[in-house]
C-alpha atoms as a PDB file:
ATOM      1  CA  UNK A   1       0.003  -0.042   0.029  1.00  0.00           C
ATOM      2  CA  UNK A   2       2.891   2.510   0.815  1.00  0.00           C
ATOM      3  CA  UNK A   3       4.409   1.708  -2.685  1.00  0.00           C
ATOM      4  CA  UNK A   4       1.090   2.430  -4.338  1.00  0.00           C
ATOM      5  CA  UNK A   5       0.499   5.612  -2.419  1.00  0.00           C
ATOM      6  CA  UNK A   6       4.150   6.596  -3.235  1.00  0.00           C
ATOM      7  CA  UNK A   7       3.498   6.186  -7.003  1.00  0.00           C
ATOM      8  CA  UNK A   8       0.135   8.145  -7.029  1.00  0.00           C
ATOM      9  CA  UNK A   9       1.931  11.058  -5.134  1.00  0.00           C
ATOM     10  CA  UNK A  10       4.911  10.923  -7.594  1.00  0.00           C
ATOM     11  CA  UNK A  11       2.390  10.751 -10.598  1.00  0.00           C
ATOM     12  CA  UNK A  12       0.481  13.880  -9.287  1.00  0.00           C
ATOM     13  CA  UNK A  13       3.755  15.729  -8.714  1.00  0.00           C
ATOM     14  CA  UNK A  14       5.058  14.998 -12.092  1.00  0.00           C
ATOM     15  CA  UNK A  15       7.991  13.040 -10.919  1.00  0.00           C
ATOM     16  CA  UNK A  16       6.861  10.059 -12.750  1.00  0.00           C
ATOM     17  CA  UNK A  17       4.926   9.518 -16.095  1.00  0.00           C
ATOM     18  CA  UNK A  18       1.810   7.158 -16.336  1.00  0.00           C
ATOM     19  CA  UNK A  19       4.145   4.958 -18.650  1.00  0.00           C
ATOM     20  CA  UNK A  20       6.674   4.422 -15.844  1.00  0.00           C
ATOM     21  CA  UNK A  21       3.932   3.598 -13.410  1.00  0.00           C
ATOM     22  CA  UNK A  22       2.356   1.230 -15.851  1.00  0.00           C
ATOM     23  CA  UNK A  23       5.931  -0.483 -16.455  1.00  0.00           C
ATOM     24  CA  UNK A  24       6.395  -0.787 -12.691  1.00  0.00           C
ATOM     25  CA  UNK A  25       3.023  -2.320 -12.214  1.00  0.00           C
ATOM     26  CA  UNK A  26       3.459  -4.883 -14.965  1.00  0.00           C
ATOM     27  CA  UNK A  27       6.980  -5.805 -13.644  1.00  0.00           C
ATOM     28  CA  UNK A  28       5.560  -6.309 -10.217  1.00  0.00           C
ATOM     29  CA  UNK A  29       2.562  -8.391 -11.420  1.00  0.00           C
ATOM     30  CA  UNK A  30       4.876 -10.506 -13.551  1.00  0.00           C
ATOM     31  CA  UNK A  31       7.233 -11.063 -10.527  1.00  0.00           C
ATOM     32  CA  UNK A  32       4.187 -12.040  -8.263  1.00  0.00           C
ATOM     33  CA  UNK A  33       2.992 -14.348 -10.946  1.00  0.00           C
ATOM     34  CA  UNK A  34       6.388 -16.156 -11.252  1.00  0.00           C
ATOM     35  CA  UNK A  35       6.376 -16.289  -7.429  1.00  0.00           C
ATOM     36  CA  UNK A  36       2.940 -17.926  -7.211  1.00  0.00           C
ATOM     37  CA  UNK A  37       3.903 -20.444  -9.999  1.00  0.00           C
ATOM     38  CA  UNK A  38       7.041 -21.399  -8.034  1.00  0.00           C
ATOM     39  CA  UNK A  39       5.271 -21.754  -4.683  1.00  0.00           C
ATOM     40  CA  UNK A  40       2.299 -23.682  -6.161  1.00  0.00           C
ATOM     41  CA  UNK A  41       3.979 -27.221  -5.858  1.00  0.00           C
ATOM     42  CA  UNK A  42       4.848 -26.421  -2.259  1.00  0.00           C
ATOM     43  CA  UNK A  43       1.299 -25.392  -1.481  1.00  0.00           C
ATOM     44  CA  UNK A  44      -0.080 -28.428  -3.140  1.00  0.00           C
ATOM     45  CA  UNK A  45       2.093 -30.807  -1.277  1.00  0.00           C
ATOM     46  CA  UNK A  46       1.334 -29.216   1.994  1.00  0.00           C
ATOM     47  CA  UNK A  47      -2.572 -29.310   1.317  1.00  0.00           C
ATOM     48  CA  UNK A  48      -2.151 -33.041   0.148  1.00  0.00           C
ATOM     49  CA  UNK A  49      -0.336 -33.898   3.383  1.00  0.00           C
ATOM     50  CA  UNK A  50      -3.252 -32.557   5.311  1.00  0.00           C
ATOM     51  CA  UNK A  51      -5.966 -34.324   3.238  1.00  0.00           C
ATOM     52  CA  UNK A  52      -7.885 -37.493   4.131  1.00  0.00           C
ATOM     53  CA  UNK A  53      -7.566 -40.689   2.195  1.00  0.00           C
ATOM     54  CA  UNK A  54      -4.462 -41.833   0.142  1.00  0.00           C
ATOM     55  CA  UNK A  55      -4.779 -39.891  -3.158  1.00  0.00           C
ATOM     56  CA  UNK A  56      -3.521 -36.444  -4.143  1.00  0.00           C
ATOM     57  CA  UNK A  57      -6.693 -35.707  -6.321  1.00  0.00           C
ATOM     58  CA  UNK A  58     -10.222 -35.587  -5.271  1.00  0.00           C
ATOM     59  CA  UNK A  59     -13.533 -35.931  -7.191  1.00  0.00           C
ATOM     60  CA  UNK A  60     -14.050 -32.165  -6.653  1.00  0.00           C
ATOM     61  CA  UNK A  61     -10.599 -31.184  -8.272  1.00  0.00           C
ATOM     62  CA  UNK A  62      -6.888 -31.055  -7.482  1.00  0.00           C
ATOM     63  CA  UNK A  63      -7.372 -29.659  -3.821  1.00  0.00           C
ATOM     64  CA  UNK A  64      -8.742 -31.547  -0.968  1.00  0.00           C
ATOM     65  CA  UNK A  65     -11.564 -29.988   0.937  1.00  0.00           C
ATOM     66  CA  UNK A  66     -10.163 -27.822   3.758  1.00  0.00           C
ATOM     67  CA  UNK A  67     -12.830 -28.972   6.126  1.00  0.00           C
ATOM     68  CA  UNK A  68     -11.356 -32.371   5.856  1.00  0.00           C
ATOM     69  CA  UNK A  69      -7.824 -31.522   6.822  1.00  0.00           C
ATOM     70  CA  UNK A  70      -6.156 -33.656   9.460  1.00  0.00           C
ATOM     71  CA  UNK A  71      -2.671 -34.754  10.703  1.00  0.00           C
ATOM     72  CA  UNK A  72      -3.392 -38.509  10.177  1.00  0.00           C
ATOM     73  CA  UNK A  73      -0.631 -38.768   7.433  1.00  0.00           C
ATOM     74  CA  UNK A  74       2.016 -37.122   9.847  1.00  0.00           C
ATOM     75  CA  UNK A  75       0.872 -39.405  12.703  1.00  0.00           C
ATOM     76  CA  UNK A  76       1.353 -42.460  10.315  1.00  0.00           C
ATOM     77  CA  UNK A  77       4.939 -41.300   9.390  1.00  0.00           C
ATOM     78  CA  UNK A  78       6.067 -40.206  12.660  1.00  0.00           C
ATOM     79  CA  UNK A  79       4.525 -43.338  14.413  1.00  0.00           C
ATOM     80  CA  UNK A  80       6.670 -45.540  12.321  1.00  0.00           C
ATOM     81  CA  UNK A  81      10.092 -47.070  13.215  1.00  0.00           C
ATOM     82  CA  UNK A  82      11.463 -46.677   9.679  1.00  0.00           C
ATOM     83  CA  UNK A  83      11.173 -42.857   9.795  1.00  0.00           C
ATOM     84  CA  UNK A  84      13.214 -42.542  12.920  1.00  0.00           C
ATOM     85  CA  UNK A  85      15.690 -45.149  11.913  1.00  0.00           C
ATOM     86  CA  UNK A  86      16.237 -43.598   8.374  1.00  0.00           C
ATOM     87  CA  UNK A  87      16.370 -40.200  10.368  1.00  0.00           C
ATOM     88  CA  UNK A  88      19.179 -41.350  12.608  1.00  0.00           C
ATOM     89  CA  UNK A  89      21.089 -42.658   9.611  1.00  0.00           C
ATOM     90  CA  UNK A  90      20.776 -39.480   7.766  1.00  0.00           C
ATOM     91  CA  UNK A  91      21.986 -37.560  10.806  1.00  0.00           C
ATOM     92  CA  UNK A  92      25.083 -39.890  10.919  1.00  0.00           C
ATOM     93  CA  UNK A  93      25.906 -39.237   7.516  1.00  0.00           C
ATOM     94  CA  UNK A  94      25.281 -35.372   7.699  1.00  0.00           C
ATOM     95  CA  UNK A  95      27.428 -35.217  10.747  1.00  0.00           C
ATOM     96  CA  UNK A  96      30.276 -36.810   9.181  1.00  0.00           C
ATOM     97  CA  UNK A  97      29.993 -34.941   5.799  1.00  0.00           C
ATOM     98  CA  UNK A  98      29.721 -31.489   7.616  1.00  0.00           C
ATOM     99  CA  UNK A  99      32.444 -32.199  10.228  1.00  0.00           C
ATOM    100  CA  UNK A 100      34.978 -33.452   7.588  1.00  0.00           C
ATOM    101  CA  UNK A 101      34.162 -30.716   5.152  1.00  0.00           C
ATOM    102  CA  UNK A 102      34.487 -27.879   7.787  1.00  0.00           C
ATOM    103  CA  UNK A 103      37.737 -29.452   9.270  1.00  0.00           C
ATOM    104  CA  UNK A 104      39.405 -29.616   5.920  1.00  0.00           C
ATOM    105  CA  UNK A 105      37.820 -26.583   4.020  1.00  0.00           C
ATOM    106  CA  UNK A 106      38.811 -23.892   6.526  1.00  0.00           C
ATOM    107  CA  UNK A 107      42.589 -24.614   6.790  1.00  0.00           C
ATOM    108  CA  UNK A 108      42.618 -25.266   3.026  1.00  0.00           C
ATOM    109  CA  UNK A 109      40.703 -21.979   2.122  1.00  0.00           C
ATOM    110  CA  UNK A 110      43.051 -20.122   4.462  1.00  0.00           C
ATOM    111  CA  UNK A 111      46.214 -21.710   2.982  1.00  0.00           C
ATOM    112  CA  UNK A 112      44.976 -20.879  -0.615  1.00  0.00           C
ATOM    113  CA  UNK A 113      43.929 -17.375   0.388  1.00  0.00           C
ATOM    114  CA  UNK A 114      47.074 -16.228   2.429  1.00  0.00           C
ATOM    115  CA  UNK A 115      50.040 -18.509   1.501  1.00  0.00           C
ATOM    116  CA  UNK A 116      52.207 -18.650  -1.428  1.00  0.00           C
ATOM    117  CA  UNK A 117      53.665 -22.136  -2.298  1.00  0.00           C
ATOM    118  CA  UNK A 118      54.800 -23.969  -5.410  1.00  0.00           C
ATOM    119  CA  UNK A 119      51.843 -25.369  -7.369  1.00  0.00           C
ATOM    120  CA  UNK A 120      49.418 -23.101  -5.851  1.00  0.00           C
ATOM    121  CA  UNK A 121      47.929 -22.089  -9.257  1.00  0.00           C
ATOM    122  CA  UNK A 122      47.706 -25.748 -10.197  1.00  0.00           C
ATOM    123  CA  UNK A 123      45.803 -26.512  -6.973  1.00  0.00           C
ATOM    124  CA  UNK A 124      43.351 -23.636  -7.669  1.00  0.00           C
ATOM    125  CA  UNK A 125      42.859 -24.994 -11.110  1.00  0.00           C
ATOM    126  CA  UNK A 126      42.234 -28.421  -9.872  1.00  0.00           C
ATOM    127  CA  UNK A 127      39.644 -27.113  -7.230  1.00  0.00           C
ATOM    128  CA  UNK A 128      37.782 -25.332 -10.082  1.00  0.00           C
ATOM    129  CA  UNK A 129      37.867 -28.496 -12.214  1.00  0.00           C
ATOM    130  CA  UNK A 130      36.374 -30.356  -9.317  1.00  0.00           C
ATOM    131  CA  UNK A 131      33.675 -28.048  -8.433  1.00  0.00           C
ATOM    132  CA  UNK A 132      32.502 -28.255 -12.070  1.00  0.00           C
ATOM    133  CA  UNK A 133      32.679 -32.055 -12.794  1.00  0.00           C
ATOM    134  CA  UNK A 134      32.746 -33.583  -9.324  1.00  0.00           C
ATOM    135  CA  UNK A 135      29.132 -34.443  -9.298  1.00  0.00           C
ATOM    136  CA  UNK A 136      29.176 -35.642 -12.877  1.00  0.00           C
ATOM    137  CA  UNK A 137      32.057 -37.897 -12.057  1.00  0.00           C
ATOM    138  CA  UNK A 138      30.180 -39.322  -9.079  1.00  0.00           C
ATOM    139  CA  UNK A 139      27.562 -40.697 -11.361  1.00  0.00           C
ATOM    140  CA  UNK A 140      29.880 -41.588 -14.235  1.00  0.00           C
ATOM    141  CA  UNK A 141      31.904 -43.975 -12.055  1.00  0.00           C
ATOM    142  CA  UNK A 142      29.141 -45.200  -9.866  1.00  0.00           C
ATOM    143  CA  UNK A 143      29.553 -48.777 -10.840  1.00  0.00           C
ATOM    144  CA  UNK A 144      33.293 -48.660 -10.406  1.00  0.00           C
ATOM    145  CA  UNK A 145      32.760 -46.986  -6.988  1.00  0.00           C
ATOM    146  CA  UNK A 146      30.376 -49.681  -5.866  1.00  0.00           C
ATOM    147  CA  UNK A 147      32.799 -52.394  -6.887  1.00  0.00           C
ATOM    148  CA  UNK A 148      35.617 -50.711  -5.017  1.00  0.00           C
ATOM    149  CA  UNK A 149      33.452 -50.356  -1.842  1.00  0.00           C
ATOM    150  CA  UNK A 150      32.219 -53.870  -1.967  1.00  0.00           C
ATOM    151  CA  UNK A 151      35.961 -55.024  -2.331  1.00  0.00           C
ATOM    152  CA  UNK A 152      36.953 -53.302   0.851  1.00  0.00           C
ATOM    153  CA  UNK A 153      33.763 -54.349   2.518  1.00  0.00           C
ATOM    154  CA  UNK A 154      32.420 -50.702   3.344  1.00  0.00           C
ATOM    155  CA  UNK A 155      29.501 -50.463   0.899  1.00  0.00           C
ATOM    156  CA  UNK A 156      27.003 -50.447   3.650  1.00  0.00           C
ATOM    157  CA  UNK A 157      28.959 -48.163   6.090  1.00  0.00           C
ATOM    158  CA  UNK A 158      27.300 -44.722   6.822  1.00  0.00           C
ATOM    159  CA  UNK A 159      30.500 -43.222   7.893  1.00  0.00           C
ATOM    160  CA  UNK A 160      32.290 -44.119   4.535  1.00  0.00           C
ATOM    161  CA  UNK A 161      29.180 -42.667   2.748  1.00  0.00           C
ATOM    162  CA  UNK A 162      29.623 -39.386   4.862  1.00  0.00           C
ATOM    163  CA  UNK A 163      33.220 -39.386   3.959  1.00  0.00           C
ATOM    164  CA  UNK A 164      32.432 -39.950   0.236  1.00  0.00           C
ATOM    165  CA  UNK A 165      30.006 -36.950   0.298  1.00  0.00           C
ATOM    166  CA  UNK A 166      32.565 -34.772   2.161  1.00  0.00           C
ATOM    167  CA  UNK A 167      35.233 -35.668  -0.549  1.00  0.00           C
ATOM    168  CA  UNK A 168      32.757 -34.190  -3.234  1.00  0.00           C
ATOM    169  CA  UNK A 169      31.663 -31.090  -1.008  1.00  0.00           C
ATOM    170  CA  UNK A 170      35.210 -30.110   0.026  1.00  0.00           C
ATOM    171  CA  UNK A 171      36.559 -28.728  -3.415  1.00  0.00           C
ATOM    172  CA  UNK A 172      33.621 -26.424  -4.142  1.00  0.00           C
ATOM    173  CA  UNK A 173      33.283 -25.126  -0.369  1.00  0.00           C
ATOM    174  CA  UNK A 174      36.958 -24.638  -0.108  1.00  0.00           C
ATOM    175  CA  UNK A 175      37.022 -22.495  -3.099  1.00  0.00           C
ATOM    176  CA  UNK A 176      33.976 -20.571  -1.944  1.00  0.00           C
ATOM    177  CA  UNK A 177      35.438 -19.960   1.470  1.00  0.00           C
ATOM    178  CA  UNK A 178      38.791 -18.986  -0.115  1.00  0.00           C
ATOM    179  CA  UNK A 179      37.041 -16.156  -2.015  1.00  0.00           C
ATOM    180  CA  UNK A 180      35.330 -14.972   1.068  1.00  0.00           C
ATOM    181  CA  UNK A 181      38.635 -14.967   2.987  1.00  0.00           C
ATOM    182  CA  UNK A 182      40.300 -13.018   0.264  1.00  0.00           C
ATOM    183  CA  UNK A 183      37.982 -10.029   1.355  1.00  0.00           C
ATOM    184  CA  UNK A 184      39.299 -10.221   4.931  1.00  0.00           C
ATOM    185  CA  UNK A 185      41.897  -7.485   5.129  1.00  0.00           C
ATOM    186  CA  UNK A 186      45.520  -8.872   5.839  1.00  0.00           C
ATOM    187  CA  UNK A 187      46.122  -5.817   8.021  1.00  0.00           C
ATOM    188  CA  UNK A 188      43.877  -7.392  10.760  1.00  0.00           C
ATOM    189  CA  UNK A 189      46.281 -10.344  10.949  1.00  0.00           C
ATOM    190  CA  UNK A 190      49.266  -8.300  10.881  1.00  0.00           C
ATOM    191  CA  UNK A 191      48.223  -6.212  13.663  1.00  0.00           C
ATOM    192  CA  UNK A 192      47.318  -9.177  15.733  1.00  0.00           C
ATOM    193  CA  UNK A 193      50.677 -10.703  15.113  1.00  0.00           C
ATOM    194  CA  UNK A 194      52.399  -7.553  16.081  1.00  0.00           C
ATOM    195  CA  UNK A 195      50.338  -7.663  19.348  1.00  0.00           C
ATOM    196  CA  UNK A 196      51.924 -11.047  20.000  1.00  0.00           C
ATOM    197  CA  UNK A 197      49.105 -13.312  18.818  1.00  0.00           C
ATOM    198  CA  UNK A 198      50.116 -16.781  17.495  1.00  0.00           C
ATOM    199  CA  UNK A 199      48.871 -18.266  14.164  1.00  0.00           C
ATOM    200  CA  UNK A 200      46.227 -20.367  15.906  1.00  0.00           C
ATOM    201  CA  UNK A 201      44.904 -17.083  17.862  1.00  0.00           C
ATOM    202  CA  UNK A 202      44.774 -15.254  14.543  1.00  0.00           C
ATOM    203  CA  UNK A 203      42.723 -18.125  12.969  1.00  0.00           C
ATOM    204  CA  UNK A 204      40.549 -18.458  16.257  1.00  0.00           C
ATOM    205  CA  UNK A 205      39.953 -14.763  16.912  1.00  0.00           C
ATOM    206  CA  UNK A 206      40.335 -12.997  13.713  1.00  0.00           C
ATOM    207  CA  UNK A 207      39.719 -15.085  10.629  1.00  0.00           C
ATOM    208  CA  UNK A 208      36.872 -17.347  11.919  1.00  0.00           C
ATOM    209  CA  UNK A 209      34.747 -14.615  13.569  1.00  0.00           C
ATOM    210  CA  UNK A 210      34.997 -12.449  10.397  1.00  0.00           C
ATOM    211  CA  UNK A 211      34.414 -15.540   8.091  1.00  0.00           C
ATOM    212  CA  UNK A 212      31.092 -16.428   9.787  1.00  0.00           C
ATOM    213  CA  UNK A 213      28.894 -15.631   6.799  1.00  0.00           C
ATOM    214  CA  UNK A 214      31.209 -17.794   4.613  1.00  0.00           C
ATOM    215  CA  UNK A 215      31.091 -20.673   7.074  1.00  0.00           C
ATOM    216  CA  UNK A 216      27.317 -20.433   7.104  1.00  0.00           C
ATOM    217  CA  UNK A 217      27.271 -20.923   3.511  1.00  0.00           C
ATOM    218  CA  UNK A 218      29.716 -23.803   3.710  1.00  0.00           C
ATOM    219  CA  UNK A 219      27.600 -25.375   6.541  1.00  0.00           C
ATOM    220  CA  UNK A 220      24.341 -25.277   4.369  1.00  0.00           C
ATOM    221  CA  UNK A 221      25.903 -26.590   1.309  1.00  0.00           C
ATOM    222  CA  UNK A 222      27.708 -29.391   3.296  1.00  0.00           C
ATOM    223  CA  UNK A 223      24.506 -30.285   5.061  1.00  0.00           C
ATOM    224  CA  UNK A 224      22.620 -30.438   1.772  1.00  0.00           C
ATOM    225  CA  UNK A 225      25.437 -32.691   0.296  1.00  0.00           C
ATOM    226  CA  UNK A 226      24.824 -35.173   2.928  1.00  0.00           C
ATOM    227  CA  UNK A 227      20.971 -34.821   3.414  1.00  0.00           C
ATOM    228  CA  UNK A 228      19.500 -34.772  -0.017  1.00  0.00           C
ATOM    229  CA  UNK A 229      21.830 -37.097  -2.130  1.00  0.00           C
ATOM    230  CA  UNK A 230      20.041 -40.344  -3.215  1.00  0.00           C
ATOM    231  CA  UNK A 231      21.670 -42.190  -6.145  1.00  0.00           C
ATOM    232  CA  UNK A 232      24.949 -43.027  -4.383  1.00  0.00           C
ATOM    233  CA  UNK A 233      23.261 -43.786  -1.110  1.00  0.00           C
ATOM    234  CA  UNK A 234      20.623 -46.162  -2.869  1.00  0.00           C
ATOM    235  CA  UNK A 235      23.578 -47.903  -4.570  1.00  0.00           C
ATOM    236  CA  UNK A 236      25.768 -48.249  -1.512  1.00  0.00           C
ATOM    237  CA  UNK A 237      23.579 -48.857   1.408  1.00  0.00           C
ATOM    238  CA  UNK A 238      21.608 -52.230   2.017  1.00  0.00           C
ATOM    239  CA  UNK A 239      18.107 -52.621   3.108  1.00  0.00           C
ATOM    240  CA  UNK A 240      17.579 -51.722   6.807  1.00  0.00           C
ATOM    241  CA  UNK A 241      20.301 -49.026   6.687  1.00  0.00           C
ATOM    242  CA  UNK A 242      18.612 -46.626   4.529  1.00  0.00           C
ATOM    243  CA  UNK A 243      18.693 -42.722   4.763  1.00  0.00           C
ATOM    244  CA  UNK A 244      15.589 -40.487   4.658  1.00  0.00           C
ATOM    245  CA  UNK A 245      16.039 -39.877   0.905  1.00  0.00           C
ATOM    246  CA  UNK A 246      15.903 -43.735   0.219  1.00  0.00           C
ATOM    247  CA  UNK A 247      12.912 -44.153   2.504  1.00  0.00           C
ATOM    248  CA  UNK A 248      10.997 -41.355   0.617  1.00  0.00           C
ATOM    249  CA  UNK A 249      11.670 -43.038  -2.646  1.00  0.00           C
ATOM    250  CA  UNK A 250      10.583 -46.306  -1.227  1.00  0.00           C
ATOM    251  CA  UNK A 251       7.485 -44.866   0.059  1.00  0.00           C
ATOM    252  CA  UNK A 252       6.435 -43.915  -3.354  1.00  0.00           C
ATOM    253  CA  UNK A 253       7.508 -47.094  -5.097  1.00  0.00           C
ATOM    254  CA  UNK A 254       7.265 -49.732  -2.437  1.00  0.00           C
ATOM    255  CA  UNK A 255       3.762 -50.855  -2.967  1.00  0.00           C
ATOM    256  CA  UNK A 256       2.683 -52.791  -6.065  1.00  0.00           C
ATOM    257  CA  UNK A 257      -0.853 -51.697  -6.027  1.00  0.00           C
ATOM    258  CA  UNK A 258      -1.265 -48.254  -4.668  1.00  0.00           C
ATOM    259  CA  UNK A 259       1.025 -45.453  -3.337  1.00  0.00           C
ATOM    260  CA  UNK A 260       0.005 -43.771   0.077  1.00  0.00           C
ATOM    261  CA  UNK A 261       0.387 -40.189  -1.569  1.00  0.00           C
ATOM    262  CA  UNK A 262      -0.851 -38.408   1.550  1.00  0.00           C
ATOM    263  CA  UNK A 263       1.827 -40.123   3.691  1.00  0.00           C
ATOM    264  CA  UNK A 264       4.416 -39.480   0.823  1.00  0.00           C
ATOM    265  CA  UNK A 265       3.566 -35.743   0.997  1.00  0.00           C
ATOM    266  CA  UNK A 266       3.706 -35.610   4.700  1.00  0.00           C
ATOM    267  CA  UNK A 267       7.159 -37.381   4.713  1.00  0.00           C
ATOM    268  CA  UNK A 268       8.372 -35.081   1.965  1.00  0.00           C
ATOM    269  CA  UNK A 269       7.473 -32.045   3.952  1.00  0.00           C
ATOM    270  CA  UNK A 270       9.233 -33.490   7.138  1.00  0.00           C
ATOM    271  CA  UNK A 271      12.217 -34.351   4.934  1.00  0.00           C
ATOM    272  CA  UNK A 272      12.537 -30.729   3.559  1.00  0.00           C
ATOM    273  CA  UNK A 273      11.847 -29.007   6.914  1.00  0.00           C
ATOM    274  CA  UNK A 274      15.316 -29.263   8.467  1.00  0.00           C
ATOM    275  CA  UNK A 275      16.746 -27.610   5.273  1.00  0.00           C
ATOM    276  CA  UNK A 276      14.217 -24.827   5.440  1.00  0.00           C
ATOM    277  CA  UNK A 277      14.816 -24.209   9.224  1.00  0.00           C
ATOM    278  CA  UNK A 278      18.585 -23.952   8.696  1.00  0.00           C
ATOM    279  CA  UNK A 279      18.296 -21.489   5.892  1.00  0.00           C
ATOM    280  CA  UNK A 280      15.690 -19.565   7.906  1.00  0.00           C
ATOM    281  CA  UNK A 281      17.888 -19.201  10.999  1.00  0.00           C
ATOM    282  CA  UNK A 282      21.080 -18.618   8.949  1.00  0.00           C
ATOM    283  CA  UNK A 283      19.653 -16.464   6.152  1.00  0.00           C
ATOM    284  CA  UNK A 284      21.370 -13.279   7.070  1.00  0.00           C
ATOM    285  CA  UNK A 285      24.817 -15.088   7.156  1.00  0.00           C
ATOM    286  CA  UNK A 286      24.194 -17.096   4.096  1.00  0.00           C
ATOM    287  CA  UNK A 287      23.148 -13.975   1.976  1.00  0.00           C
ATOM    288  CA  UNK A 288      26.105 -12.047   3.225  1.00  0.00           C
ATOM    289  CA  UNK A 289      28.377 -15.094   2.563  1.00  0.00           C
ATOM    290  CA  UNK A 290      27.165 -15.539  -1.021  1.00  0.00           C
ATOM    291  CA  UNK A 291      28.129 -11.920  -1.679  1.00  0.00           C
ATOM    292  CA  UNK A 292      31.728 -12.719  -0.451  1.00  0.00           C
ATOM    293  CA  UNK A 293      31.883 -10.314   2.335  1.00  0.00           C
ATOM    294  CA  UNK A 294      32.600  -7.067   0.603  1.00  0.00           C
ATOM    295  CA  UNK A 295      34.615  -5.648   3.574  1.00  0.00           C
ATOM    296  CA  UNK A 296      36.801  -2.630   3.152  1.00  0.00           C
ATOM    297  CA  UNK A 297      40.160  -2.313   4.612  1.00  0.00           C
END
């Protein structure tokens, strides 16, 4: 309403022409339309998870009757042991992925940002290469990967799966964090060293606090790498040791006769909820981190 009032005032005062107001209104309407189109699947899944029965469609249309909304699908999903077992497995994988990624990406990014050593350019080019083709290689060598893991007897190991995800996440996140650390003025470190701070104290008290936005981005990306991935997990893990992504797929394909779509929708909402919550609480850090700081010396 305030924007509309401002536009009317500017129009009366001659600061804006009717053509400018019309263009702004059309651009706003187009943006809102795109937003509604993007949010429609989310709205539909949420309504489907609250509907009664086991189908996504009703005789009255694509939406269930709001008067019949209930939490039965959520009770069914949360009341089953398979969900909690898969959640525990996913948390183990995510913990390993995030821990190893942060542990290796932080010193690696700092070294690439601050140190000069032989072969640094080749390492940087290698990191860029892996950020572009790492995911593709994971799919291309999936059969060889499975054979290798079976040979060493670690094909059904959640810790090894987390290490594999971390290996794929480290190149991109190290490069991302390195770009962010490049924007931290070196003078801050020099001043701390002059005051007698050790290298560890510089890292702990200068670099890490100033790099919080970048670390938040790395945390989110590493979490997504371990939480969402399905193909490798489906290939390596045996029945009874599934993660949530595998259980979600199994819920949609496990029945020979019909799929409990309302339960599937509820499961999908619960599966996506942690990602949404993490981004919501770390939103300011993530947005700042993606802009690579922009600090001035």
